């Protein structure tokens, strides 16, 4: 059985730092970021606010997309985020159904 996956972007309060990650369980991963259990980069820069995510039918698809997005210019990433979340608001409390 294939396991789905998510690409997500978290940011700090000022929205001047973006971190792109991939996970098979979006709710748990965002909870880890909020509780200081994310990676070094997200802890150092305070990236705990989920501002974008995409779902995929397989984790492999999500990994491919993550690698693509990490190569993008910041303006491209911001444009993508604003298509889904125009005000770049925190979405952490709106993802309970994405386990």
PDB file of N, CA and C in Angstrom:
ATOM      1  N   UNK A   1       0.841  -1.187   0.000  1.00  0.00           N
ATOM      2  CA  UNK A   1       0.000   0.000   0.000  1.00  0.00           C
ATOM      3  C   UNK A   1       0.884   1.248   0.000  1.00  0.00           C
ATOM      4  N   UNK A   2       0.597   2.152  -0.919  1.00  0.00           N
ATOM      5  CA  UNK A   2       1.374   3.393  -1.004  1.00  0.00           C
ATOM      6  C   UNK A   2       0.922   4.387   0.053  1.00  0.00           C
ATOM      7  N   UNK A   3       1.870   5.095   0.565  1.00  0.00           N
ATOM      8  CA  UNK A   3       1.575   6.105   1.573  1.00  0.00           C
ATOM      9  C   UNK A   3       1.670   7.481   0.935  1.00  0.00           C
ATOM     10  N   UNK A   4       0.690   8.315   1.184  1.00  0.00           N
ATOM     11  CA  UNK A   4       0.687   9.666   0.639  1.00  0.00           C
ATOM     12  C   UNK A   4       1.727  10.546   1.298  1.00  0.00           C
ATOM     13  N   UNK A   5       1.870  11.738   0.758  1.00  0.00           N
ATOM     14  CA  UNK A   5       2.843  12.656   1.315  1.00  0.00           C
ATOM     15  C   UNK A   5       2.436  14.099   1.106  1.00  0.00           C
ATOM     16  N   UNK A   6       3.130  14.981   1.772  1.00  0.00           N
ATOM     17  CA  UNK A   6       2.874  16.421   1.703  1.00  0.00           C
ATOM     18  C   UNK A   6       4.184  17.177   1.561  1.00  0.00           C
ATOM     19  N   UNK A   7       4.134  18.224   0.768  1.00  0.00           N
ATOM     20  CA  UNK A   7       5.186  19.232   0.759  1.00  0.00           C
ATOM     21  C   UNK A   7       4.600  20.401   1.525  1.00  0.00           C
ATOM     22  N   UNK A   8       5.394  21.014   2.388  1.00  0.00           N
ATOM     23  CA  UNK A   8       4.880  22.126   3.175  1.00  0.00           C
ATOM     24  C   UNK A   8       5.926  23.218   3.272  1.00  0.00           C
ATOM     25  N   UNK A   9       5.436  24.419   3.547  1.00  0.00           N
ATOM     26  CA  UNK A   9       6.334  25.550   3.785  1.00  0.00           C
ATOM     27  C   UNK A   9       5.963  26.155   5.129  1.00  0.00           C
ATOM     28  N   UNK A  10       6.964  26.275   5.996  1.00  0.00           N
ATOM     29  CA  UNK A  10       6.791  26.971   7.268  1.00  0.00           C
ATOM     30  C   UNK A  10       7.642  28.231   7.232  1.00  0.00           C
ATOM     31  N   UNK A  11       7.225  29.208   8.031  1.00  0.00           N
ATOM     32  CA  UNK A  11       7.920  30.484   8.070  1.00  0.00           C
ATOM     33  C   UNK A  11       7.959  30.997   9.496  1.00  0.00           C
ATOM     34  N   UNK A  12       8.730  32.058   9.697  1.00  0.00           N
ATOM     35  CA  UNK A  12       8.786  32.714  10.999  1.00  0.00           C
ATOM     36  C   UNK A  12       7.711  33.806  11.052  1.00  0.00           C
ATOM     37  N   UNK A  13       7.606  34.481  12.151  1.00  0.00           N
ATOM     38  CA  UNK A  13       6.565  35.505  12.334  1.00  0.00           C
ATOM     39  C   UNK A  13       6.650  36.632  11.315  1.00  0.00           C
ATOM     40  N   UNK A  14       7.862  37.060  10.989  1.00  0.00           N
ATOM     41  CA  UNK A  14       8.043  38.179  10.052  1.00  0.00           C
ATOM     42  C   UNK A  14       7.895  37.766   8.595  1.00  0.00           C
ATOM     43  N   UNK A  15       7.829  36.456   8.336  1.00  0.00           N
ATOM     44  CA  UNK A  15       7.705  35.901   6.982  1.00  0.00           C
ATOM     45  C   UNK A  15       8.929  36.193   6.107  1.00  0.00           C
ATOM     46  N   UNK A  16      10.070  36.403   6.743  1.00  0.00           N
ATOM     47  CA  UNK A  16      11.284  36.664   5.964  1.00  0.00           C
ATOM     48  C   UNK A  16      12.164  35.417   5.816  1.00  0.00           C
ATOM     49  N   UNK A  17      11.735  34.292   6.402  1.00  0.00           N
ATOM     50  CA  UNK A  17      12.437  33.023   6.243  1.00  0.00           C
ATOM     51  C   UNK A  17      11.417  31.970   5.820  1.00  0.00           C
ATOM     52  N   UNK A  18      11.766  31.196   4.794  1.00  0.00           N
ATOM     53  CA  UNK A  18      10.903  30.113   4.319  1.00  0.00           C
ATOM     54  C   UNK A  18      11.666  28.800   4.420  1.00  0.00           C
ATOM     55  N   UNK A  19      10.980  27.758   4.887  1.00  0.00           N
ATOM     56  CA  UNK A  19      11.565  26.428   4.932  1.00  0.00           C
ATOM     57  C   UNK A  19      10.604  25.476   4.238  1.00  0.00           C
ATOM     58  N   UNK A  20      11.117  24.707   3.290  1.00  0.00           N
ATOM     59  CA  UNK A  20      10.312  23.729   2.568  1.00  0.00           C
ATOM     60  C   UNK A  20      10.665  22.346   3.097  1.00  0.00           C
ATOM     61  N   UNK A  21       9.635  21.579   3.440  1.00  0.00           N
ATOM     62  CA  UNK A  21       9.846  20.227   3.937  1.00  0.00           C
ATOM     63  C   UNK A  21       8.875  19.246   3.317  1.00  0.00           C
ATOM     64  N   UNK A  22       9.068  17.970   3.617  1.00  0.00           N
ATOM     65  CA  UNK A  22       8.203  16.899   3.122  1.00  0.00           C
ATOM     66  C   UNK A  22       7.896  15.962   4.276  1.00  0.00           C
ATOM     67  N   UNK A  23       6.691  15.412   4.286  1.00  0.00           N
ATOM     68  CA  UNK A  23       6.284  14.513   5.365  1.00  0.00           C
ATOM     69  C   UNK A  23       5.151  13.608   4.894  1.00  0.00           C
ATOM     70  N   UNK A  24       4.961  12.519   5.595  1.00  0.00           N
ATOM     71  CA  UNK A  24       3.814  11.652   5.323  1.00  0.00           C
ATOM     72  C   UNK A  24       2.665  11.951   6.292  1.00  0.00           C
ATOM     73  N   UNK A  25       2.941  12.736   7.335  1.00  0.00           N
ATOM     74  CA  UNK A  25       1.912  13.082   8.318  1.00  0.00           C
ATOM     75  C   UNK A  25       2.040  14.575   8.651  1.00  0.00           C
ATOM     76  N   UNK A  26       1.255  15.379   7.970  1.00  0.00           N
ATOM     77  CA  UNK A  26       1.368  16.833   8.094  1.00  0.00           C
ATOM     78  C   UNK A  26       1.058  17.329   9.507  1.00  0.00           C
ATOM     79  N   UNK A  27       0.017  16.810  10.110  1.00  0.00           N
ATOM     80  CA  UNK A  27      -0.379  17.260  11.452  1.00  0.00           C
ATOM     81  C   UNK A  27       0.744  17.012  12.460  1.00  0.00           C
ATOM     82  N   UNK A  28       1.292  15.817  12.456  1.00  0.00           N
ATOM     83  CA  UNK A  28       2.368  15.505  13.399  1.00  0.00           C
ATOM     84  C   UNK A  28       3.625  16.322  13.131  1.00  0.00           C
ATOM     85  N   UNK A  29       3.964  16.496  11.858  1.00  0.00           N
ATOM     86  CA  UNK A  29       5.184  17.236  11.537  1.00  0.00           C
ATOM     87  C   UNK A  29       5.093  18.692  11.968  1.00  0.00           C
ATOM     88  N   UNK A  30       3.942  19.312  11.732  1.00  0.00           N
ATOM     89  CA  UNK A  30       3.777  20.709  12.143  1.00  0.00           C
ATOM     90  C   UNK A  30       3.802  20.805  13.667  1.00  0.00           C
ATOM     91  N   UNK A  31       3.223  19.838  14.335  1.00  0.00           N
ATOM     92  CA  UNK A  31       3.277  19.794  15.802  1.00  0.00           C
ATOM     93  C   UNK A  31       4.725  19.703  16.283  1.00  0.00           C
ATOM     94  N   UNK A  32       5.535  18.915  15.595  1.00  0.00           N
ATOM     95  CA  UNK A  32       6.955  18.822  15.962  1.00  0.00           C
ATOM     96  C   UNK A  32       7.651  20.170  15.810  1.00  0.00           C
ATOM     97  N   UNK A  33       7.369  20.873  14.715  1.00  0.00           N
ATOM     98  CA  UNK A  33       7.965  22.203  14.537  1.00  0.00           C
ATOM     99  C   UNK A  33       7.535  23.136  15.669  1.00  0.00           C
ATOM    100  N   UNK A  34       6.258  23.109  16.008  1.00  0.00           N
ATOM    101  CA  UNK A  34       5.745  23.992  17.064  1.00  0.00           C
ATOM    102  C   UNK A  34       6.372  23.687  18.422  1.00  0.00           C
ATOM    103  N   UNK A  35       6.717  22.433  18.646  1.00  0.00           N
ATOM    104  CA  UNK A  35       7.263  22.006  19.940  1.00  0.00           C
ATOM    105  C   UNK A  35       8.793  21.942  19.953  1.00  0.00           C
ATOM    106  N   UNK A  36       9.425  22.580  18.973  1.00  0.00           N
ATOM    107  CA  UNK A  36      10.880  22.652  18.957  1.00  0.00           C
ATOM    108  C   UNK A  36      11.574  21.370  18.570  1.00  0.00           C
ATOM    109  N   UNK A  37      10.854  20.446  17.932  1.00  0.00           N
ATOM    110  CA  UNK A  37      11.445  19.174  17.529  1.00  0.00           C
ATOM    111  C   UNK A  37      11.722  19.131  16.032  1.00  0.00           C
ATOM    112  N   UNK A  38      11.644  20.280  15.383  1.00  0.00           N
ATOM    113  CA  UNK A  38      12.003  20.356  13.970  1.00  0.00           C
ATOM    114  C   UNK A  38      13.506  20.295  13.834  1.00  0.00           C
ATOM    115  N   UNK A  39      13.975  20.465  12.641  1.00  0.00           N
ATOM    116  CA  UNK A  39      15.417  20.440  12.405  1.00  0.00           C
ATOM    117  C   UNK A  39      16.102  21.701  12.912  1.00  0.00           C
ATOM    118  N   UNK A  40      17.412  21.712  12.803  1.00  0.00           N
ATOM    119  CA  UNK A  40      18.233  22.826  13.279  1.00  0.00           C
ATOM    120  C   UNK A  40      17.803  24.156  12.652  1.00  0.00           C
ATOM    121  N   UNK A  41      17.616  24.158  11.329  1.00  0.00           N
ATOM    122  CA  UNK A  41      17.285  25.398  10.625  1.00  0.00           C
ATOM    123  C   UNK A  41      15.980  25.999  11.137  1.00  0.00           C
ATOM    124  N   UNK A  42      14.930  25.186  11.232  1.00  0.00           N
ATOM    125  CA  UNK A  42      13.630  25.717  11.651  1.00  0.00           C
ATOM    126  C   UNK A  42      13.650  26.191  13.099  1.00  0.00           C
ATOM    127  N   UNK A  43      14.392  25.508  13.949  1.00  0.00           N
ATOM    128  CA  UNK A  43      14.514  25.957  15.346  1.00  0.00           C
ATOM    129  C   UNK A  43      15.286  27.268  15.411  1.00  0.00           C
ATOM    130  N   UNK A  44      16.375  27.343  14.688  1.00  0.00           N
ATOM    131  CA  UNK A  44      17.221  28.541  14.730  1.00  0.00           C
ATOM    132  C   UNK A  44      16.476  29.790  14.268  1.00  0.00           C
ATOM    133  N   UNK A  45      15.678  29.647  13.218  1.00  0.00           N
ATOM    134  CA  UNK A  45      15.001  30.806  12.634  1.00  0.00           C
ATOM    135  C   UNK A  45      13.533  30.941  13.043  1.00  0.00           C
ATOM    136  N   UNK A  46      13.071  30.099  13.947  1.00  0.00           N
ATOM    137  CA  UNK A  46      11.710  30.220  14.470  1.00  0.00           C
ATOM    138  C   UNK A  46      10.628  29.926  13.448  1.00  0.00           C
ATOM    139  N   UNK A  47      10.885  29.003  12.551  1.00  0.00           N
ATOM    140  CA  UNK A  47       9.910  28.649  11.510  1.00  0.00           C
ATOM    141  C   UNK A  47       8.914  27.635  12.058  1.00  0.00           C
ATOM    142  N   UNK A  48       7.808  28.133  12.565  1.00  0.00           N
ATOM    143  CA  UNK A  48       6.778  27.261  13.132  1.00  0.00           C
ATOM    144  C   UNK A  48       5.406  27.494  12.505  1.00  0.00           C
ATOM    145  N   UNK A  49       5.267  28.522  11.675  1.00  0.00           N
ATOM    146  CA  UNK A  49       3.972  28.844  11.075  1.00  0.00           C
ATOM    147  C   UNK A  49       3.835  28.179   9.713  1.00  0.00           C
ATOM    148  N   UNK A  50       2.892  27.245   9.605  1.00  0.00           N
ATOM    149  CA  UNK A  50       2.597  26.628   8.320  1.00  0.00           C
ATOM    150  C   UNK A  50       1.891  27.658   7.448  1.00  0.00           C
ATOM    151  N   UNK A  51       2.436  27.930   6.258  1.00  0.00           N
ATOM    152  CA  UNK A  51       1.806  28.917   5.380  1.00  0.00           C
ATOM    153  C   UNK A  51       1.427  28.328   4.020  1.00  0.00           C
ATOM    154  N   UNK A  52       1.852  27.076   3.753  1.00  0.00           N
ATOM    155  CA  UNK A  52       1.527  26.438   2.473  1.00  0.00           C
ATOM    156  C   UNK A  52       1.706  24.927   2.594  1.00  0.00           C
ATOM    157  N   UNK A  53       0.870  24.168   1.878  1.00  0.00           N
ATOM    158  CA  UNK A  53       1.080  22.725   1.771  1.00  0.00           C
ATOM    159  C   UNK A  53       0.390  22.186   0.524  1.00  0.00           C
ATOM    160  N   UNK A  54       0.901  21.078   0.033  1.00  0.00           N
ATOM    161  CA  UNK A  54       0.341  20.348  -1.105  1.00  0.00           C
ATOM    162  C   UNK A  54       0.309  18.876  -0.736  1.00  0.00           C
ATOM    163  N   UNK A  55      -0.769  18.195  -1.097  1.00  0.00           N
ATOM    164  CA  UNK A  55      -0.873  16.759  -0.844  1.00  0.00           C
ATOM    165  C   UNK A  55      -0.622  15.946  -2.104  1.00  0.00           C
ATOM    166  N   UNK A  56      -0.061  14.746  -1.936  1.00  0.00           N
ATOM    167  CA  UNK A  56       0.256  13.845  -3.037  1.00  0.00           C
ATOM    168  C   UNK A  56      -0.173  12.427  -2.680  1.00  0.00           C
ATOM    169  N   UNK A  57      -0.412  11.615  -3.695  1.00  0.00           N
ATOM    170  CA  UNK A  57      -0.842  10.237  -3.439  1.00  0.00           C
ATOM    171  C   UNK A  57       0.302   9.352  -2.966  1.00  0.00           C
ATOM    172  N   UNK A  58       1.535   9.743  -3.249  1.00  0.00           N
ATOM    173  CA  UNK A  58       2.674   8.958  -2.767  1.00  0.00           C
ATOM    174  C   UNK A  58       3.741   9.897  -2.197  1.00  0.00           C
ATOM    175  N   UNK A  59       4.493   9.372  -1.260  1.00  0.00           N
ATOM    176  CA  UNK A  59       5.569  10.156  -0.650  1.00  0.00           C
ATOM    177  C   UNK A  59       6.647  10.458  -1.686  1.00  0.00           C
ATOM    178  N   UNK A  60       6.836   9.552  -2.635  1.00  0.00           N
ATOM    179  CA  UNK A  60       7.833   9.770  -3.684  1.00  0.00           C
ATOM    180  C   UNK A  60       7.506  11.001  -4.526  1.00  0.00           C
ATOM    181  N   UNK A  61       6.231  11.186  -4.842  1.00  0.00           N
ATOM    182  CA  UNK A  61       5.804  12.381  -5.587  1.00  0.00           C
ATOM    183  C   UNK A  61       6.082  13.647  -4.780  1.00  0.00           C
ATOM    184  N   UNK A  62       5.801  13.573  -3.496  1.00  0.00           N
ATOM    185  CA  UNK A  62       6.038  14.729  -2.622  1.00  0.00           C
ATOM    186  C   UNK A  62       7.525  15.073  -2.564  1.00  0.00           C
ATOM    187  N   UNK A  63       8.371  14.077  -2.514  1.00  0.00           N
ATOM    188  CA  UNK A  63       9.823  14.304  -2.462  1.00  0.00           C
ATOM    189  C   UNK A  63      10.308  14.960  -3.754  1.00  0.00           C
ATOM    190  N   UNK A  64       9.798  14.508  -4.882  1.00  0.00           N
ATOM    191  CA  UNK A  64      10.164  15.108  -6.171  1.00  0.00           C
ATOM    192  C   UNK A  64       9.773  16.579  -6.200  1.00  0.00           C
ATOM    193  N   UNK A  65       8.556  16.876  -5.740  1.00  0.00           N
ATOM    194  CA  UNK A  65       8.071  18.265  -5.724  1.00  0.00           C
ATOM    195  C   UNK A  65       8.914  19.124  -4.770  1.00  0.00           C
ATOM    196  N   UNK A  66       9.242  18.584  -3.608  1.00  0.00           N
ATOM    197  CA  UNK A  66      10.071  19.322  -2.643  1.00  0.00           C
ATOM    198  C   UNK A  66      11.410  19.708  -3.276  1.00  0.00           C
ATOM    199  N   UNK A  67      12.039  18.763  -3.951  1.00  0.00           N
ATOM    200  CA  UNK A  67      13.327  19.032  -4.587  1.00  0.00           C
ATOM    201  C   UNK A  67      13.207  20.115  -5.655  1.00  0.00           C
ATOM    202  N   UNK A  68      12.115  20.096  -6.417  1.00  0.00           N
ATOM    203  CA  UNK A  68      11.875  21.139  -7.421  1.00  0.00           C
ATOM    204  C   UNK A  68      11.765  22.501  -6.755  1.00  0.00           C
ATOM    205  N   UNK A  69      10.918  22.578  -5.744  1.00  0.00           N
ATOM    206  CA  UNK A  69      10.632  23.852  -5.088  1.00  0.00           C
ATOM    207  C   UNK A  69      11.861  24.436  -4.397  1.00  0.00           C
ATOM    208  N   UNK A  70      12.722  23.596  -3.867  1.00  0.00           N
ATOM    209  CA  UNK A  70      13.919  24.090  -3.184  1.00  0.00           C
ATOM    210  C   UNK A  70      14.885  24.784  -4.147  1.00  0.00           C
ATOM    211  N   UNK A  71      14.745  24.509  -5.429  1.00  0.00           N
ATOM    212  CA  UNK A  71      15.595  25.147  -6.439  1.00  0.00           C
ATOM    213  C   UNK A  71      15.015  26.474  -6.933  1.00  0.00           C
ATOM    214  N   UNK A  72      13.791  26.770  -6.584  1.00  0.00           N
ATOM    215  CA  UNK A  72      13.106  27.969  -7.059  1.00  0.00           C
ATOM    216  C   UNK A  72      13.661  29.235  -6.429  1.00  0.00           C
ATOM    217  N   UNK A  73      13.461  30.344  -7.139  1.00  0.00           N
ATOM    218  CA  UNK A  73      13.735  31.667  -6.582  1.00  0.00           C
ATOM    219  C   UNK A  73      12.670  31.977  -5.526  1.00  0.00           C
ATOM    220  N   UNK A  74      13.021  32.821  -4.598  1.00  0.00           N
ATOM    221  CA  UNK A  74      12.083  33.179  -3.535  1.00  0.00           C
ATOM    222  C   UNK A  74      10.792  33.767  -4.088  1.00  0.00           C
ATOM    223  N   UNK A  75      10.887  34.598  -5.116  1.00  0.00           N
ATOM    224  CA  UNK A  75       9.675  35.218  -5.684  1.00  0.00           C
ATOM    225  C   UNK A  75       8.714  34.159  -6.217  1.00  0.00           C
ATOM    226  N   UNK A  76       9.228  33.081  -6.788  1.00  0.00           N
ATOM    227  CA  UNK A  76       8.373  32.003  -7.285  1.00  0.00           C
ATOM    228  C   UNK A  76       7.671  31.303  -6.121  1.00  0.00           C
ATOM    229  N   UNK A  77       8.409  31.086  -5.037  1.00  0.00           N
ATOM    230  CA  UNK A  77       7.828  30.435  -3.856  1.00  0.00           C
ATOM    231  C   UNK A  77       6.722  31.309  -3.263  1.00  0.00           C
ATOM    232  N   UNK A  78       6.988  32.613  -3.167  1.00  0.00           N
ATOM    233  CA  UNK A  78       5.990  33.525  -2.608  1.00  0.00           C
ATOM    234  C   UNK A  78       4.737  33.571  -3.479  1.00  0.00           C
ATOM    235  N   UNK A  79       4.916  33.536  -4.781  1.00  0.00           N
ATOM    236  CA  UNK A  79       3.766  33.543  -5.691  1.00  0.00           C
ATOM    237  C   UNK A  79       2.917  32.294  -5.481  1.00  0.00           C
ATOM    238  N   UNK A  80       3.567  31.145  -5.351  1.00  0.00           N
ATOM    239  CA  UNK A  80       2.856  29.888  -5.111  1.00  0.00           C
ATOM    240  C   UNK A  80       2.093  29.941  -3.787  1.00  0.00           C
ATOM    241  N   UNK A  81       2.741  30.412  -2.745  1.00  0.00           N
ATOM    242  CA  UNK A  81       2.098  30.517  -1.428  1.00  0.00           C
ATOM    243  C   UNK A  81       0.866  31.409  -1.514  1.00  0.00           C
ATOM    244  N   UNK A  82       0.999  32.561  -2.158  1.00  0.00           N
ATOM    245  CA  UNK A  82      -0.089  33.538  -2.209  1.00  0.00           C
ATOM    246  C   UNK A  82      -1.259  33.079  -3.076  1.00  0.00           C
ATOM    247  N   UNK A  83      -1.043  32.117  -3.972  1.00  0.00           N
ATOM    248  CA  UNK A  83      -2.163  31.541  -4.726  1.00  0.00           C
ATOM    249  C   UNK A  83      -3.092  30.775  -3.797  1.00  0.00           C
ATOM    250  N   UNK A  84      -2.527  30.120  -2.800  1.00  0.00           N
ATOM    251  CA  UNK A  84      -3.316  29.343  -1.838  1.00  0.00           C
ATOM    252  C   UNK A  84      -3.676  30.167  -0.599  1.00  0.00           C
ATOM    253  N   UNK A  85      -2.772  31.017  -0.181  1.00  0.00           N
ATOM    254  CA  UNK A  85      -2.879  31.724   1.089  1.00  0.00           C
ATOM    255  C   UNK A  85      -2.448  33.182   0.869  1.00  0.00           C
ATOM    256  N   UNK A  86      -3.326  34.000   0.269  1.00  0.00           N
ATOM    257  CA  UNK A  86      -2.954  35.358  -0.155  1.00  0.00           C
ATOM    258  C   UNK A  86      -2.319  36.231   0.921  1.00  0.00           C
ATOM    259  N   UNK A  87      -2.741  36.075   2.162  1.00  0.00           N
ATOM    260  CA  UNK A  87      -2.210  36.905   3.244  1.00  0.00           C
ATOM    261  C   UNK A  87      -1.081  36.220   4.011  1.00  0.00           C
ATOM    262  N   UNK A  88      -0.664  35.064   3.531  1.00  0.00           N
ATOM    263  CA  UNK A  88       0.391  34.274   4.182  1.00  0.00           C
ATOM    264  C   UNK A  88       0.089  34.061   5.669  1.00  0.00           C
ATOM    265  N   UNK A  89      -1.160  33.757   5.954  1.00  0.00           N
ATOM    266  CA  UNK A  89      -1.588  33.523   7.343  1.00  0.00           C
ATOM    267  C   UNK A  89      -1.162  32.149   7.829  1.00  0.00           C
ATOM    268  N   UNK A  90      -1.067  32.029   9.110  1.00  0.00           N
ATOM    269  CA  UNK A  90      -0.723  30.769   9.782  1.00  0.00           C
ATOM    270  C   UNK A  90      -1.866  29.769   9.581  1.00  0.00           C
ATOM    271  N   UNK A  91      -1.550  28.579   9.070  1.00  0.00           N
ATOM    272  CA  UNK A  91      -2.554  27.558   8.782  1.00  0.00           C
ATOM    273  C   UNK A  91      -2.508  26.385   9.760  1.00  0.00           C
ATOM    274  N   UNK A  92      -1.688  26.473  10.774  1.00  0.00           N
ATOM    275  CA  UNK A  92      -1.473  25.355  11.703  1.00  0.00           C
ATOM    276  C   UNK A  92      -2.775  24.777  12.254  1.00  0.00           C
ATOM    277  N   UNK A  93      -3.729  25.610  12.581  1.00  0.00           N
ATOM    278  CA  UNK A  93      -4.972  25.145  13.187  1.00  0.00           C
ATOM    279  C   UNK A  93      -5.991  24.680  12.165  1.00  0.00           C
ATOM    280  N   UNK A  94      -5.667  24.721  10.892  1.00  0.00           N
ATOM    281  CA  UNK A  94      -6.616  24.364   9.848  1.00  0.00           C
ATOM    282  C   UNK A  94      -6.274  23.043   9.162  1.00  0.00           C
ATOM    283  N   UNK A  95      -5.377  22.250   9.741  1.00  0.00           N
ATOM    284  CA  UNK A  95      -4.905  21.037   9.061  1.00  0.00           C
ATOM    285  C   UNK A  95      -5.249  19.752   9.799  1.00  0.00           C
ATOM    286  N   UNK A  96      -6.146  19.783  10.732  1.00  0.00           N
ATOM    287  CA  UNK A  96      -6.444  18.596  11.548  1.00  0.00           C
ATOM    288  C   UNK A  96      -6.827  17.377  10.698  1.00  0.00           C
ATOM    289  N   UNK A  97      -7.422  17.594   9.540  1.00  0.00           N
ATOM    290  CA  UNK A  97      -7.870  16.474   8.700  1.00  0.00           C
ATOM    291  C   UNK A  97      -6.752  15.902   7.818  1.00  0.00           C
ATOM    292  N   UNK A  98      -5.548  16.428   7.899  1.00  0.00           N
ATOM    293  CA  UNK A  98      -4.459  16.020   7.008  1.00  0.00           C
ATOM    294  C   UNK A  98      -3.476  15.086   7.710  1.00  0.00           C
ATOM    295  N   UNK A  99      -3.957  13.990   8.223  1.00  0.00           N
ATOM    296  CA  UNK A  99      -3.113  12.989   8.888  1.00  0.00           C
ATOM    297  C   UNK A  99      -2.612  11.973   7.900  1.00  0.00           C
TER     298      UNK A  99
END
